[in-house]
Amino acid sequence: PGGNIVLTIDIKLQKLVEDMFGDRRGALVAIDP
């Protein structure tokens, strides 16, 4: 079987930002400095 991949993405933060965008267009990348 193929290997599993663990991302650095925090999906709760991802969903929060996507919900805050609403119907607006745009992009956001949040990086741990």
PDB file of all heavy atoms in Angstrom:
ATOM      1  N   PRO A   1       0.820  -1.219   0.000  1.00  0.00           N
ATOM      2  CA  PRO A   1       0.000   0.000   0.000  1.00  0.00           C
ATOM      3  C   PRO A   1       0.848   1.260   0.000  1.00  0.00           C
ATOM      4  O   PRO A   1       2.002   1.261   0.452  1.00  0.00           O
ATOM      5  CB  PRO A   1      -0.806  -0.126   1.299  1.00  0.00           C
ATOM      6  CG  PRO A   1      -0.022  -1.061   2.159  1.00  0.00           C
ATOM      7  CD  PRO A   1       0.665  -2.006   1.225  1.00  0.00           C
ATOM      8  N   GLY A   2       0.256   2.348  -0.517  1.00  0.00           N
ATOM      9  CA  GLY A   2       0.949   3.622  -0.540  1.00  0.00           C
ATOM     10  C   GLY A   2       1.149   4.176   0.863  1.00  0.00           C
ATOM     11  O   GLY A   2       0.437   3.811   1.798  1.00  0.00           O
ATOM     12  N   GLY A   3       2.125   5.065   0.995  1.00  0.00           N
ATOM     13  CA  GLY A   3       2.418   5.657   2.296  1.00  0.00           C
ATOM     14  C   GLY A   3       1.461   6.794   2.627  1.00  0.00           C
ATOM     15  O   GLY A   3       0.967   7.482   1.735  1.00  0.00           O
ATOM     16  N   ASN A   4       1.195   6.969   3.902  1.00  0.00           N
ATOM     17  CA  ASN A   4       0.389   8.103   4.357  1.00  0.00           C
ATOM     18  C   ASN A   4       1.252   9.355   4.433  1.00  0.00           C
ATOM     19  O   ASN A   4       2.454   9.287   4.709  1.00  0.00           O
ATOM     20  CB  ASN A   4      -0.220   7.825   5.729  1.00  0.00           C
ATOM     21  CG  ASN A   4      -1.209   6.672   5.695  1.00  0.00           C
ATOM     22  OD1 ASN A   4      -1.767   6.354   4.639  1.00  0.00           O
ATOM     23  ND2 ASN A   4      -1.426   6.040   6.829  1.00  0.00           N
ATOM     24  N   ILE A   5       0.633  10.513   4.205  1.00  0.00           N
ATOM     25  CA  ILE A   5       1.346  11.792   4.242  1.00  0.00           C
ATOM     26  C   ILE A   5       0.705  12.688   5.288  1.00  0.00           C
ATOM     27  O   ILE A   5      -0.518  12.872   5.288  1.00  0.00           O
ATOM     28  CB  ILE A   5       1.322  12.477   2.862  1.00  0.00           C
ATOM     29  CG1 ILE A   5       2.180  11.674   1.876  1.00  0.00           C
ATOM     30  CG2 ILE A   5       1.811  13.914   2.948  1.00  0.00           C
ATOM     31  CD1 ILE A   5       2.220  12.261   0.492  1.00  0.00           C
ATOM     32  N   VAL A   6       1.537  13.237   6.176  1.00  0.00           N
ATOM     33  CA  VAL A   6       1.074  14.174   7.198  1.00  0.00           C
ATOM     34  C   VAL A   6       1.541  15.567   6.802  1.00  0.00           C
ATOM     35  O   VAL A   6       2.747  15.811   6.645  1.00  0.00           O
ATOM     36  CB  VAL A   6       1.610  13.799   8.596  1.00  0.00           C
ATOM     37  CG1 VAL A   6       1.131  14.812   9.635  1.00  0.00           C
ATOM     38  CG2 VAL A   6       1.168  12.394   8.977  1.00  0.00           C
ATOM     39  N   LEU A   7       0.605  16.484   6.628  1.00  0.00           N
ATOM     40  CA  LEU A   7       0.924  17.851   6.219  1.00  0.00           C
ATOM     41  C   LEU A   7       1.208  18.735   7.428  1.00  0.00           C
ATOM     42  O   LEU A   7       0.895  18.379   8.567  1.00  0.00           O
ATOM     43  CB  LEU A   7      -0.253  18.438   5.424  1.00  0.00           C
ATOM     44  CG  LEU A   7      -0.775  17.620   4.235  1.00  0.00           C
ATOM     45  CD1 LEU A   7      -1.889  18.399   3.539  1.00  0.00           C
ATOM     46  CD2 LEU A   7       0.341  17.301   3.256  1.00  0.00           C
ATOM     47  N   THR A   8       1.798  19.889   7.168  1.00  0.00           N
ATOM     48  CA  THR A   8       1.992  20.875   8.242  1.00  0.00           C
ATOM     49  C   THR A   8       0.731  21.705   8.458  1.00  0.00           C
ATOM     50  O   THR A   8       0.640  22.469   9.423  1.00  0.00           O
ATOM     51  CB  THR A   8       3.155  21.829   7.899  1.00  0.00           C
ATOM     52  OG1 THR A   8       2.834  22.529   6.685  1.00  0.00           O
ATOM     53  CG2 THR A   8       4.454  21.063   7.715  1.00  0.00           C
ATOM     54  N   ILE A   9      -0.251  21.551   7.571  1.00  0.00           N
ATOM     55  CA  ILE A   9      -1.493  22.319   7.645  1.00  0.00           C
ATOM     56  C   ILE A   9      -2.270  21.992   8.924  1.00  0.00           C
ATOM     57  O   ILE A   9      -2.399  20.830   9.303  1.00  0.00           O
ATOM     58  CB  ILE A   9      -2.382  22.010   6.418  1.00  0.00           C
ATOM     59  CG1 ILE A   9      -1.713  22.464   5.120  1.00  0.00           C
ATOM     60  CG2 ILE A   9      -3.758  22.655   6.562  1.00  0.00           C
ATOM     61  CD1 ILE A   9      -1.594  23.957   4.975  1.00  0.00           C
ATOM     62  N   ASP A  10      -2.774  23.042   9.581  1.00  0.00           N
ATOM     63  CA  ASP A  10      -3.720  22.878  10.683  1.00  0.00           C
ATOM     64  C   ASP A  10      -5.102  23.110  10.081  1.00  0.00           C
ATOM     65  O   ASP A  10      -5.469  24.242   9.764  1.00  0.00           O
ATOM     66  CB  ASP A  10      -3.427  23.901  11.784  1.00  0.00           C
ATOM     67  CG  ASP A  10      -4.330  23.731  13.003  1.00  0.00           C
ATOM     68  OD1 ASP A  10      -5.483  23.269  12.828  1.00  0.00           O
ATOM     69  OD2 ASP A  10      -3.907  24.075  14.118  1.00  0.00           O
ATOM     70  N   ILE A  11      -5.859  22.049   9.914  1.00  0.00           N
ATOM     71  CA  ILE A  11      -7.100  22.148   9.149  1.00  0.00           C
ATOM     72  C   ILE A  11      -8.137  23.018   9.854  1.00  0.00           C
ATOM     73  O   ILE A  11      -8.997  23.630   9.199  1.00  0.00           O
ATOM     74  CB  ILE A  11      -7.665  20.736   8.843  1.00  0.00           C
ATOM     75  CG1 ILE A  11      -8.591  20.803   7.609  1.00  0.00           C
ATOM     76  CG2 ILE A  11      -8.364  20.163  10.041  1.00  0.00           C
ATOM     77  CD1 ILE A  11      -7.897  21.215   6.346  1.00  0.00           C
ATOM     78  N   LYS A  12      -8.080  23.113  11.179  1.00  0.00           N
ATOM     79  CA  LYS A  12      -9.003  24.006  11.891  1.00  0.00           C
ATOM     80  C   LYS A  12      -8.716  25.457  11.536  1.00  0.00           C
ATOM     81  O   LYS A  12      -9.637  26.254  11.312  1.00  0.00           O
ATOM     82  CB  LYS A  12      -8.898  23.783  13.401  1.00  0.00           C
ATOM     83  CG  LYS A  12      -9.486  22.468  13.885  1.00  0.00           C
ATOM     84  CD  LYS A  12      -9.430  22.368  15.403  1.00  0.00           C
ATOM     85  CE  LYS A  12     -10.056  21.060  15.889  1.00  0.00           C
ATOM     86  NZ  LYS A  12      -9.988  20.949  17.376  1.00  0.00           N
ATOM     87  N   LEU A  13      -7.439  25.830  11.523  1.00  0.00           N
ATOM     88  CA  LEU A  13      -7.055  27.181  11.119  1.00  0.00           C
ATOM     89  C   LEU A  13      -7.417  27.415   9.655  1.00  0.00           C
ATOM     90  O   LEU A  13      -7.926  28.485   9.290  1.00  0.00           O
ATOM     91  CB  LEU A  13      -5.559  27.396  11.341  1.00  0.00           C
ATOM     92  CG  LEU A  13      -4.986  28.739  10.883  1.00  0.00           C
ATOM     93  CD1 LEU A  13      -5.626  29.887  11.651  1.00  0.00           C
ATOM     94  CD2 LEU A  13      -3.461  28.754  11.045  1.00  0.00           C
ATOM     95  N   GLN A  14      -7.161  26.402   8.824  1.00  0.00           N
ATOM     96  CA  GLN A  14      -7.488  26.499   7.396  1.00  0.00           C
ATOM     97  C   GLN A  14      -8.980  26.790   7.208  1.00  0.00           C
ATOM     98  O   GLN A  14      -9.353  27.697   6.449  1.00  0.00           O
ATOM     99  CB  GLN A  14      -7.119  25.178   6.703  1.00  0.00           C
ATOM    100  CG  GLN A  14      -7.489  25.094   5.231  1.00  0.00           C
ATOM    101  CD  GLN A  14      -6.443  25.685   4.316  1.00  0.00           C
ATOM    102  OE1 GLN A  14      -5.297  25.869   4.706  1.00  0.00           O
ATOM    103  NE2 GLN A  14      -6.834  25.988   3.093  1.00  0.00           N
ATOM    104  N   LYS A  15      -9.818  26.044   7.885  1.00  0.00           N
ATOM    105  CA  LYS A  15     -11.271  26.231   7.737  1.00  0.00           C
ATOM    106  C   LYS A  15     -11.716  27.578   8.289  1.00  0.00           C
ATOM    107  O   LYS A  15     -12.593  28.240   7.715  1.00  0.00           O
ATOM    108  CB  LYS A  15     -12.027  25.093   8.428  1.00  0.00           C
ATOM    109  CG  LYS A  15     -13.523  25.094   8.123  1.00  0.00           C
ATOM    110  CD  LYS A  15     -14.214  23.887   8.673  1.00  0.00           C
ATOM    111  CE  LYS A  15     -15.654  23.796   8.185  1.00  0.00           C
ATOM    112  NZ  LYS A  15     -16.385  25.059   8.157  1.00  0.00           N
ATOM    113  N   LEU A  16     -11.111  28.006   9.395  1.00  0.00           N
ATOM    114  CA  LEU A  16     -11.448  29.300   9.978  1.00  0.00           C
ATOM    115  C   LEU A  16     -11.191  30.414   8.975  1.00  0.00           C
ATOM    116  O   LEU A  16     -12.047  31.292   8.757  1.00  0.00           O
ATOM    117  CB  LEU A  16     -10.632  29.527  11.253  1.00  0.00           C
ATOM    118  CG  LEU A  16     -10.750  30.922  11.884  1.00  0.00           C
ATOM    119  CD1 LEU A  16     -12.172  31.163  12.386  1.00  0.00           C
ATOM    120  CD2 LEU A  16      -9.732  31.104  13.011  1.00  0.00           C
ATOM    121  N   VAL A  17     -10.026  30.383   8.339  1.00  0.00           N
ATOM    122  CA  VAL A  17      -9.680  31.425   7.362  1.00  0.00           C
ATOM    123  C   VAL A  17     -10.603  31.348   6.155  1.00  0.00           C
ATOM    124  O   VAL A  17     -11.084  32.382   5.664  1.00  0.00           O
ATOM    125  CB  VAL A  17      -8.205  31.296   6.938  1.00  0.00           C
ATOM    126  CG1 VAL A  17      -7.883  32.302   5.839  1.00  0.00           C
ATOM    127  CG2 VAL A  17      -7.278  31.485   8.130  1.00  0.00           C
ATOM    128  N   GLU A  18     -10.870  30.142   5.673  1.00  0.00           N
ATOM    129  CA  GLU A  18     -11.753  30.004   4.505  1.00  0.00           C
ATOM    130  C   GLU A  18     -13.148  30.549   4.825  1.00  0.00           C
ATOM    131  O   GLU A  18     -13.764  31.221   3.986  1.00  0.00           O
ATOM    132  CB  GLU A  18     -11.827  28.537   4.073  1.00  0.00           C
ATOM    133  CG  GLU A  18     -10.537  28.023   3.441  1.00  0.00           C
ATOM    134  CD  GLU A  18     -10.688  26.628   2.846  1.00  0.00           C
ATOM    135  OE1 GLU A  18     -11.841  26.155   2.727  1.00  0.00           O
ATOM    136  OE2 GLU A  18      -9.663  26.016   2.501  1.00  0.00           O
ATOM    137  N   ASP A  19     -13.635  30.277   6.029  1.00  0.00           N
ATOM    138  CA  ASP A  19     -14.952  30.791   6.421  1.00  0.00           C
ATOM    139  C   ASP A  19     -14.934  32.313   6.523  1.00  0.00           C
ATOM    140  O   ASP A  19     -15.913  32.987   6.160  1.00  0.00           O
ATOM    141  CB  ASP A  19     -15.384  30.184   7.757  1.00  0.00           C
ATOM    142  CG  ASP A  19     -15.714  28.698   7.646  1.00  0.00           C
ATOM    143  OD1 ASP A  19     -15.910  28.225   6.502  1.00  0.00           O
ATOM    144  OD2 ASP A  19     -15.769  28.019   8.692  1.00  0.00           O
ATOM    145  N   MET A  20     -13.824  32.877   7.002  1.00  0.00           N
ATOM    146  CA  MET A  20     -13.725  34.330   7.135  1.00  0.00           C
ATOM    147  C   MET A  20     -13.690  35.031   5.777  1.00  0.00           C
ATOM    148  O   MET A  20     -14.149  36.161   5.644  1.00  0.00           O
ATOM    149  CB  MET A  20     -12.482  34.698   7.954  1.00  0.00           C
ATOM    150  CG  MET A  20     -12.570  34.301   9.424  1.00  0.00           C
ATOM    151  SD  MET A  20     -11.042  34.624  10.342  1.00  0.00           S
ATOM    152  CE  MET A  20     -11.015  36.413  10.319  1.00  0.00           C
ATOM    153  N   PHE A  21     -13.158  34.354   4.781  1.00  0.00           N
ATOM    154  CA  PHE A  21     -13.150  34.924   3.431  1.00  0.00           C
ATOM    155  C   PHE A  21     -14.573  35.073   2.901  1.00  0.00           C
ATOM    156  O   PHE A  21     -14.862  35.985   2.126  1.00  0.00           O
ATOM    157  CB  PHE A  21     -12.341  34.032   2.476  1.00  0.00           C
ATOM    158  CG  PHE A  21     -10.939  34.506   2.241  1.00  0.00           C
ATOM    159  CD1 PHE A  21      -9.917  34.126   3.094  1.00  0.00           C
ATOM    160  CD2 PHE A  21     -10.636  35.315   1.167  1.00  0.00           C
ATOM    161  CE1 PHE A  21      -8.622  34.542   2.885  1.00  0.00           C
ATOM    162  CE2 PHE A  21      -9.327  35.740   0.936  1.00  0.00           C
ATOM    163  CZ  PHE A  21      -8.322  35.357   1.812  1.00  0.00           C
ATOM    164  N   GLY A  22     -15.437  34.162   3.293  1.00  0.00           N
ATOM    165  CA  GLY A  22     -16.808  34.201   2.797  1.00  0.00           C
ATOM    166  C   GLY A  22     -16.841  34.029   1.289  1.00  0.00           C
ATOM    167  O   GLY A  22     -16.242  33.094   0.743  1.00  0.00           O
ATOM    168  N   ASP A  23     -17.552  34.932   0.610  1.00  0.00           N
ATOM    169  CA  ASP A  23     -17.659  34.862  -0.843  1.00  0.00           C
ATOM    170  C   ASP A  23     -16.583  35.675  -1.558  1.00  0.00           C
ATOM    171  O   ASP A  23     -16.595  35.780  -2.784  1.00  0.00           O
ATOM    172  CB  ASP A  23     -19.042  35.365  -1.285  1.00  0.00           C
ATOM    173  CG  ASP A  23     -20.163  34.461  -0.799  1.00  0.00           C
ATOM    174  OD1 ASP A  23     -19.893  33.255  -0.641  1.00  0.00           O
ATOM    175  OD2 ASP A  23     -21.276  34.960  -0.568  1.00  0.00           O
ATOM    176  N   ARG A  24     -15.656  36.269  -0.789  1.00  0.00           N
ATOM    177  CA  ARG A  24     -14.621  37.092  -1.417  1.00  0.00           C
ATOM    178  C   ARG A  24     -13.567  36.224  -2.078  1.00  0.00           C
ATOM    179  O   ARG A  24     -13.326  35.091  -1.686  1.00  0.00           O
ATOM    180  CB  ARG A  24     -13.968  38.005  -0.371  1.00  0.00           C
ATOM    181  CG  ARG A  24     -14.898  39.103   0.146  1.00  0.00           C
ATOM    182  CD  ARG A  24     -14.143  40.052   1.063  1.00  0.00           C
ATOM    183  NE  ARG A  24     -13.752  39.403   2.309  1.00  0.00           N
ATOM    184  CZ  ARG A  24     -14.488  39.397   3.398  1.00  0.00           C
ATOM    185  NH1 ARG A  24     -15.679  39.996   3.400  1.00  0.00           N
ATOM    186  NH2 ARG A  24     -14.071  38.794   4.494  1.00  0.00           N
ATOM    187  N   ARG A  25     -12.920  36.790  -3.089  1.00  0.00           N
ATOM    188  CA  ARG A  25     -11.811  36.101  -3.762  1.00  0.00           C
ATOM    189  C   ARG A  25     -10.494  36.537  -3.126  1.00  0.00           C
ATOM    190  O   ARG A  25     -10.359  37.677  -2.697  1.00  0.00           O
ATOM    191  CB  ARG A  25     -11.797  36.440  -5.254  1.00  0.00           C
ATOM    192  CG  ARG A  25     -12.976  35.869  -6.027  1.00  0.00           C
ATOM    193  CD  ARG A  25     -12.977  36.309  -7.471  1.00  0.00           C
ATOM    194  NE  ARG A  25     -13.157  37.762  -7.604  1.00  0.00           N
ATOM    195  CZ  ARG A  25     -13.315  38.386  -8.755  1.00  0.00           C
ATOM    196  NH1 ARG A  25     -13.299  37.695  -9.881  1.00  0.00           N
ATOM    197  NH2 ARG A  25     -13.485  39.686  -8.800  1.00  0.00           N
ATOM    198  N   GLY A  26      -9.536  35.642  -3.099  1.00  0.00           N
ATOM    199  CA  GLY A  26      -8.237  36.023  -2.560  1.00  0.00           C
ATOM    200  C   GLY A  26      -7.426  34.832  -2.099  1.00  0.00           C
ATOM    201  O   GLY A  26      -7.801  33.676  -2.318  1.00  0.00           O
ATOM    202  N   ALA A  27      -6.301  35.112  -1.466  1.00  0.00           N
ATOM    203  CA  ALA A  27      -5.397  34.056  -1.017  1.00  0.00           C
ATOM    204  C   ALA A  27      -4.771  34.451   0.309  1.00  0.00           C
ATOM    205  O   ALA A  27      -4.607  35.642   0.605  1.00  0.00           O
ATOM    206  CB  ALA A  27      -4.313  33.811  -2.056  1.00  0.00           C
ATOM    207  N   LEU A  28      -4.427  33.457   1.113  1.00  0.00           N
ATOM    208  CA  LEU A  28      -3.720  33.684   2.368  1.00  0.00           C
ATOM    209  C   LEU A  28      -2.840  32.474   2.656  1.00  0.00           C
ATOM    210  O   LEU A  28      -3.290  31.337   2.536  1.00  0.00           O
ATOM    211  CB  LEU A  28      -4.703  33.901   3.527  1.00  0.00           C
ATOM    212  CG  LEU A  28      -4.074  34.140   4.900  1.00  0.00           C
ATOM    213  CD1 LEU A  28      -4.896  35.144   5.695  1.00  0.00           C
ATOM    214  CD2 LEU A  28      -3.932  32.838   5.694  1.00  0.00           C
ATOM    215  N   VAL A  29      -1.596  32.744   3.019  1.00  0.00           N
ATOM    216  CA  VAL A  29      -0.680  31.681   3.441  1.00  0.00           C
ATOM    217  C   VAL A  29      -0.162  32.053   4.821  1.00  0.00           C
ATOM    218  O   VAL A  29       0.456  33.106   4.993  1.00  0.00           O
ATOM    219  CB  VAL A  29       0.497  31.510   2.456  1.00  0.00           C
ATOM    220  CG1 VAL A  29       1.418  30.385   2.925  1.00  0.00           C
ATOM    221  CG2 VAL A  29      -0.015  31.229   1.048  1.00  0.00           C
ATOM    222  N   ALA A  30      -0.456  31.214   5.815  1.00  0.00           N
ATOM    223  CA  ALA A  30      -0.005  31.448   7.182  1.00  0.00           C
ATOM    224  C   ALA A  30       1.188  30.547   7.469  1.00  0.00           C
ATOM    225  O   ALA A  30       1.091  29.321   7.374  1.00  0.00           O
ATOM    226  CB  ALA A  30      -1.131  31.165   8.175  1.00  0.00           C
ATOM    227  N   ILE A  31       2.340  31.172   7.802  1.00  0.00           N
ATOM    228  CA  ILE A  31       3.587  30.439   7.996  1.00  0.00           C
ATOM    229  C   ILE A  31       4.065  30.600   9.433  1.00  0.00           C
ATOM    230  O   ILE A  31       4.012  31.695   9.998  1.00  0.00           O
ATOM    231  CB  ILE A  31       4.679  30.963   7.029  1.00  0.00           C
ATOM    232  CG1 ILE A  31       4.199  30.828   5.577  1.00  0.00           C
ATOM    233  CG2 ILE A  31       5.991  30.209   7.217  1.00  0.00           C
ATOM    234  CD1 ILE A  31       5.135  31.456   4.571  1.00  0.00           C
ATOM    235  N   ASP A  32       4.522  29.507  10.034  1.00  0.00           N
ATOM    236  CA  ASP A  32       5.141  29.569  11.352  1.00  0.00           C
ATOM    237  C   ASP A  32       6.538  30.149  11.172  1.00  0.00           C
ATOM    238  O   ASP A  32       7.408  29.503  10.578  1.00  0.00           O
ATOM    239  CB  ASP A  32       5.208  28.162  11.955  1.00  0.00           C
ATOM    240  CG  ASP A  32       5.760  28.158  13.373  1.00  0.00           C
ATOM    241  OD1 ASP A  32       6.410  29.159  13.760  1.00  0.00           O
ATOM    242  OD2 ASP A  32       5.554  27.160  14.090  1.00  0.00           O
ATOM    243  N   PRO A  33       6.793  31.379  11.657  1.00  0.00           N
ATOM    244  CA  PRO A  33       8.096  32.012  11.406  1.00  0.00           C
ATOM    245  C   PRO A  33       9.267  31.308  12.082  1.00  0.00           C
ATOM    246  O   PRO A  33      10.415  31.507  11.701  1.00  0.00           O
ATOM    247  CB  PRO A  33       7.908  33.433  11.968  1.00  0.00           C
ATOM    248  CG  PRO A  33       6.806  33.316  12.956  1.00  0.00           C
ATOM    249  CD  PRO A  33       5.893  32.232  12.458  1.00  0.00           C
TER     250      PRO A  33
END
